[in-house]
Amino acid sequence: MRAARSPSERLYFTEYGSGSPLLLVHGLMVTGQMFEPVIAHFAARHRVIVPDLRGHGRSRGLPPPYAATQLAADLPQVLDQLGIESTAVLGYSQGGAIAQQLVLDFPDRCDRLVLACTFAFNMATLREQVEGRLLPLVLQLLGMRLSARLIVSPAAPQLGRERADWLAGLIADQDRRLMVSAWKETMAFDSRRRLAEITCPTLVIAASDDQAVPIHHARMLHVGIAGAELVVIGAAGHGLIWTHTEEFERVTDSFLGA
């Protein structure tokens, strides 16, 4: 493993393994550590690059904005530092929105795209709009530690106590003020009208029982991105990367040609 910061904006990232490059983009309120269960597997076949996005983890010192355009614009700097012209990109949850923005703004930097448990527009239903406006209030009232427990609790039975505690710890360690700002930017993200511009081979991975990002979002991506593949993992929720790790690795490997 190698840890470093990109020289201009000092975005923190870690690097593992060797082979064809694979950039992993984490979701909101966590860090690149969310990929810990799959890194060893992918690093056996790929040069895996795992950044902490602006405002998150060890990149929390970087100033706003935390809009998808800025978070995506930070990533080519990491690739430039590593001498990587083009890479496969895997974005999970809100990281999938950042991955889409990266492909839209820097199409030559991505040769294959994996979008897991993610969305083109996360405010598509009334329920999502209500929940979206409530979350910043919850974070401000409860703080990160109690909010983390509340966020993780629905998935805890599937995750198991040890993994649930680990995930809650990742969330609790984030800065409340920065996460409120980042979440408001997430609510504004909308790639629906631009999905047709994504032309690289794309895999959409969805969880059949995902309550955080319901399956209609995956279908929207599948229809909107020409030629995209859709794989639905059954009996899985939003945390399928931790609960159905081997299946997640298998479908990703198949798509990447590992």
Protein backbone atom coordinates (compact mmCIF):
# COMPACT_ATOMS: atom_id res chain seq x y z
CA MET A 1 0.00 0.00 0.00
CA ARG A 2 1.10 3.57 -0.72
CA ALA A 3 -0.55 6.67 0.73
CA ALA A 4 -0.01 10.14 -0.70
CA ARG A 5 -1.55 13.50 -1.46
CA SER A 6 -1.95 15.08 -4.87
CA PRO A 7 0.38 18.09 -5.03
CA SER A 8 -1.94 20.97 -5.89
CA GLU A 9 -5.10 20.41 -3.82
CA ARG A 10 -3.50 17.77 -1.56
CA LEU A 11 -6.27 15.23 -2.04
CA TYR A 12 -5.43 12.21 0.10
CA PHE A 13 -5.40 8.79 -1.55
CA THR A 14 -4.06 5.28 -1.10
CA GLU A 15 -2.76 2.94 -3.78
CA TYR A 16 -2.64 -0.86 -3.80
CA GLY A 17 -1.52 -3.64 -6.13
CA SER A 18 -0.51 -3.53 -9.77
CA GLY A 19 -2.06 -4.09 -13.18
CA SER A 20 -4.69 -2.16 -15.07
CA PRO A 21 -5.83 0.86 -12.99
CA LEU A 22 -9.09 0.90 -11.05
CA LEU A 23 -10.27 4.08 -9.29
CA LEU A 24 -12.69 3.52 -6.38
CA VAL A 25 -14.92 6.48 -5.47
CA HIS A 26 -16.61 6.36 -2.07
CA GLY A 27 -20.01 7.63 -0.98
CA LEU A 28 -21.18 10.46 1.24
CA MET A 29 -20.25 10.61 4.93
CA VAL A 30 -17.64 7.85 4.67
CA THR A 31 -14.11 7.64 3.24
CA GLY A 32 -12.12 5.41 0.94
CA GLN A 33 -11.96 2.99 3.87
CA MET A 34 -15.47 1.84 2.91
CA PHE A 35 -13.81 -0.33 0.25
CA GLU A 36 -11.69 -2.21 2.79
CA PRO A 37 -13.53 -5.56 2.27
CA VAL A 38 -12.82 -5.62 -1.49
CA ILE A 39 -9.43 -3.92 -1.84
CA ALA A 40 -7.30 -7.04 -1.45
CA HIS A 41 -9.38 -8.85 -4.05
CA PHE A 42 -9.21 -6.09 -6.65
CA ALA A 43 -5.54 -5.31 -5.90
CA ALA A 44 -4.63 -8.86 -6.93
CA ARG A 45 -5.60 -7.90 -10.50
CA HIS A 46 -5.51 -4.10 -10.64
CA ARG A 47 -3.61 -1.02 -9.59
CA VAL A 48 -6.26 0.23 -7.18
CA ILE A 49 -6.46 3.95 -6.35
CA VAL A 50 -8.68 4.97 -3.43
CA PRO A 51 -9.03 8.71 -2.69
CA ASP A 52 -10.78 10.44 0.19
CA LEU A 53 -13.01 12.97 -1.53
CA ARG A 54 -12.78 16.67 -0.71
CA GLY A 55 -14.31 17.34 2.69
CA HIS A 56 -14.12 13.69 3.75
CA GLY A 57 -11.65 11.78 5.90
CA ARG A 58 -8.06 12.86 5.40
CA SER A 59 -9.14 15.32 2.70
CA ARG A 60 -11.50 17.19 5.02
CA GLY A 61 -9.13 20.16 5.16
CA LEU A 62 -9.84 21.03 1.52
CA PRO A 63 -12.27 23.94 1.21
CA PRO A 64 -15.70 23.92 -0.46
CA PRO A 65 -17.45 23.73 -2.82
CA TYR A 66 -18.38 20.08 -2.40
CA ALA A 67 -20.46 19.94 -5.57
CA ALA A 68 -20.05 16.92 -7.84
CA THR A 69 -18.26 19.05 -10.43
CA GLN A 70 -15.54 19.97 -7.92
CA LEU A 71 -15.24 16.50 -6.38
CA ALA A 72 -14.90 15.02 -9.87
CA ALA A 73 -12.40 17.69 -10.97
CA ASP A 74 -10.10 16.71 -8.08
CA LEU A 75 -9.69 13.15 -9.38
CA PRO A 76 -7.72 13.78 -12.62
CA GLN A 77 -5.06 15.46 -10.47
CA VAL A 78 -4.55 12.16 -8.67
CA LEU A 79 -4.39 10.30 -11.97
CA ASP A 80 -1.89 12.83 -13.33
CA GLN A 81 0.34 12.39 -10.29
CA LEU A 82 0.31 8.63 -10.84
CA GLY A 83 0.91 8.90 -14.57
CA ILE A 84 -2.44 7.30 -15.42
CA GLU A 85 -4.13 8.56 -18.57
CA SER A 86 -7.27 6.43 -18.38
CA THR A 87 -8.73 4.10 -15.76
CA ALA A 88 -11.70 1.96 -14.91
CA VAL A 89 -13.85 3.80 -12.37
CA LEU A 90 -16.13 2.28 -9.74
CA GLY A 91 -18.42 4.66 -7.87
CA TYR A 92 -20.56 3.49 -4.96
CA SER A 93 -23.68 5.31 -3.73
CA GLN A 94 -22.98 9.06 -3.96
CA GLY A 95 -19.58 8.07 -5.33
CA GLY A 96 -21.46 6.89 -8.40
CA ALA A 97 -22.69 10.44 -8.95
CA ILE A 98 -19.09 11.69 -8.75
CA ALA A 99 -18.03 8.94 -11.16
CA GLN A 100 -20.70 10.03 -13.64
CA GLN A 101 -19.54 13.64 -13.37
CA LEU A 102 -15.95 12.54 -13.95
CA VAL A 103 -16.92 10.72 -17.14
CA LEU A 104 -19.06 13.62 -18.35
CA ASP A 105 -16.42 16.28 -17.70
CA PHE A 106 -13.29 14.22 -18.48
CA PRO A 107 -14.44 11.46 -20.84
CA ASP A 108 -10.92 10.47 -21.87
CA ARG A 109 -9.98 9.60 -18.28
CA CYS A 110 -12.43 6.71 -17.89
CA ASP A 111 -12.43 3.59 -20.06
CA ARG A 112 -14.94 1.48 -18.10
CA LEU A 113 -17.53 2.57 -15.55
CA VAL A 114 -19.16 0.67 -12.66
CA LEU A 115 -22.08 2.40 -10.94
CA ALA A 116 -23.12 0.61 -7.75
CA CYS A 117 -26.19 1.43 -5.63
CA THR A 118 -26.29 4.93 -7.10
CA PHE A 119 -28.47 7.43 -8.90
CA ALA A 120 -28.76 10.06 -11.60
CA PHE A 121 -31.06 12.20 -9.43
CA ASN A 122 -31.63 11.33 -5.80
CA MET A 123 -34.69 13.55 -5.27
CA ALA A 124 -36.95 11.78 -7.77
CA THR A 125 -39.82 10.90 -5.40
CA LEU A 126 -41.70 12.72 -2.66
CA ARG A 127 -40.23 10.38 -0.05
CA GLU A 128 -36.72 11.15 -1.24
CA GLN A 129 -37.38 14.87 -1.19
CA VAL A 130 -38.68 14.71 2.40
CA GLU A 131 -35.79 12.51 3.58
CA GLY A 132 -33.33 14.73 1.75
CA ARG A 133 -34.49 17.80 3.62
CA LEU A 134 -34.62 16.01 6.96
CA LEU A 135 -31.08 14.62 6.94
CA PRO A 136 -29.25 17.96 7.41
CA LEU A 137 -31.55 18.70 10.35
CA VAL A 138 -30.83 15.29 11.87
CA LEU A 139 -27.08 15.83 11.52
CA GLN A 140 -27.29 19.28 13.11
CA LEU A 141 -29.52 18.17 15.99
CA LEU A 142 -27.98 14.80 16.83
CA GLY A 143 -24.38 15.23 15.78
CA MET A 144 -22.37 12.70 13.81
CA ARG A 145 -22.13 9.90 16.37
CA LEU A 146 -25.86 9.55 17.07
CA SER A 147 -26.69 10.21 13.42
CA ALA A 148 -24.31 7.44 12.39
CA ARG A 149 -26.13 4.96 14.62
CA LEU A 150 -29.47 6.07 13.20
CA ILE A 151 -28.25 5.77 9.60
CA VAL A 152 -26.68 2.33 10.06
CA SER A 153 -29.38 0.77 12.25
CA PRO A 154 -31.73 -0.36 9.43
CA ALA A 155 -28.90 -2.35 7.82
CA ALA A 156 -27.41 -3.66 11.06
CA PRO A 157 -29.16 -7.07 11.00
CA GLN A 158 -27.63 -7.87 7.61
CA LEU A 159 -24.29 -6.26 8.35
CA GLY A 160 -23.73 -7.93 11.71
CA ARG A 161 -22.68 -6.09 14.83
CA GLU A 162 -18.95 -5.86 14.08
CA ARG A 163 -19.41 -4.49 10.55
CA ALA A 164 -22.23 -2.16 11.64
CA ASP A 165 -20.05 -0.72 14.40
CA TRP A 166 -17.20 -0.26 11.91
CA LEU A 167 -19.42 1.57 9.42
CA ALA A 168 -20.97 3.74 12.12
CA GLY A 169 -17.45 4.65 13.21
CA LEU A 170 -16.54 5.80 9.69
CA ILE A 171 -19.59 8.04 9.58
CA ALA A 172 -19.17 9.33 13.13
CA ASP A 173 -15.61 10.43 12.37
CA GLN A 174 -16.72 12.92 9.70
CA ASP A 175 -17.15 16.65 10.28
CA ARG A 176 -20.83 17.52 10.80
CA ARG A 177 -20.65 20.96 9.17
CA LEU A 178 -18.90 19.62 6.10
CA MET A 179 -21.31 16.71 5.76
CA VAL A 180 -24.33 19.02 5.89
CA SER A 181 -22.78 21.08 3.10
CA ALA A 182 -21.87 18.00 1.07
CA TRP A 183 -25.36 16.52 1.44
CA LYS A 184 -27.00 19.70 0.17
CA GLU A 185 -24.78 19.50 -2.90
CA THR A 186 -25.75 15.85 -3.36
CA MET A 187 -29.41 16.86 -3.44
CA ALA A 188 -28.65 19.22 -6.31
CA PHE A 189 -26.92 16.58 -8.46
CA ASP A 190 -28.91 15.68 -11.58
CA SER A 191 -27.34 13.89 -14.55
CA ARG A 192 -30.59 12.68 -16.15
CA ARG A 193 -30.36 14.89 -19.23
CA ARG A 194 -26.71 13.97 -19.79
CA LEU A 195 -26.75 10.21 -19.37
CA ALA A 196 -26.71 9.71 -23.14
CA GLU A 197 -23.32 11.43 -23.20
CA ILE A 198 -21.77 8.54 -21.28
CA THR A 199 -20.38 6.30 -24.00
CA CYS A 200 -17.81 4.12 -22.23
CA PRO A 201 -18.85 0.55 -21.33
CA THR A 202 -20.94 0.78 -18.17
CA LEU A 203 -22.15 -1.69 -15.56
CA VAL A 204 -24.97 -0.75 -13.19
CA ILE A 205 -25.12 -2.83 -10.00
CA ALA A 206 -28.27 -2.63 -7.89
CA ALA A 207 -29.54 -4.25 -4.70
CA SER A 208 -33.03 -5.69 -4.92
CA ASP A 209 -33.99 -4.45 -1.44
CA ASP A 210 -32.11 -1.14 -1.37
CA GLN A 211 -34.12 1.35 0.69
CA ALA A 212 -31.56 4.17 0.54
CA VAL A 213 -31.30 4.16 -3.27
CA PRO A 214 -34.28 2.13 -4.54
CA ILE A 215 -33.99 0.07 -7.68
CA HIS A 216 -35.84 2.59 -9.87
CA HIS A 217 -32.62 4.63 -9.85
CA ALA A 218 -30.66 1.73 -11.34
CA ARG A 219 -33.28 1.28 -14.04
CA MET A 220 -33.04 4.98 -14.88
CA LEU A 221 -29.26 4.66 -15.34
CA HIS A 222 -29.64 1.45 -17.33
CA VAL A 223 -32.10 3.04 -19.75
CA GLY A 224 -30.30 6.37 -19.99
CA ILE A 225 -26.78 5.06 -20.70
CA ALA A 226 -26.68 3.37 -24.09
CA GLY A 227 -25.53 -0.23 -23.90
CA ALA A 228 -25.26 -0.27 -20.11
CA GLU A 229 -25.48 -3.63 -18.37
CA LEU A 230 -27.69 -4.03 -15.31
CA VAL A 231 -27.08 -6.62 -12.58
CA VAL A 232 -29.49 -6.86 -9.65
CA ILE A 233 -28.19 -8.67 -6.58
CA GLY A 234 -31.06 -10.36 -4.78
CA ALA A 235 -31.84 -10.21 -1.07
CA ALA A 236 -29.38 -7.32 -0.70
CA GLY A 237 -29.66 -3.78 0.61
CA HIS A 238 -27.63 -0.62 0.19
CA GLY A 239 -24.68 -2.18 2.00
CA LEU A 240 -24.32 -5.08 -0.45
CA ILE A 241 -20.58 -4.40 -0.81
CA TRP A 242 -20.28 -5.59 2.83
CA THR A 243 -23.07 -8.17 2.98
CA HIS A 244 -22.70 -9.74 -0.49
CA THR A 245 -19.01 -9.09 -1.01
CA GLU A 246 -18.16 -12.14 -3.12
CA GLU A 247 -21.08 -11.56 -5.48
CA PHE A 248 -20.15 -7.89 -5.81
CA GLU A 249 -16.57 -8.88 -6.65
CA ARG A 250 -17.69 -11.52 -9.11
CA VAL A 251 -19.96 -9.30 -11.20
CA THR A 252 -17.39 -6.50 -11.18
CA ASP A 253 -14.61 -8.87 -12.24
CA SER A 254 -16.75 -10.22 -15.06
CA PHE A 255 -17.38 -6.73 -16.39
CA LEU A 256 -13.79 -5.54 -16.04
CA GLY A 257 -12.49 -8.66 -17.72
CA ALA A 258 -10.39 -9.77 -14.77
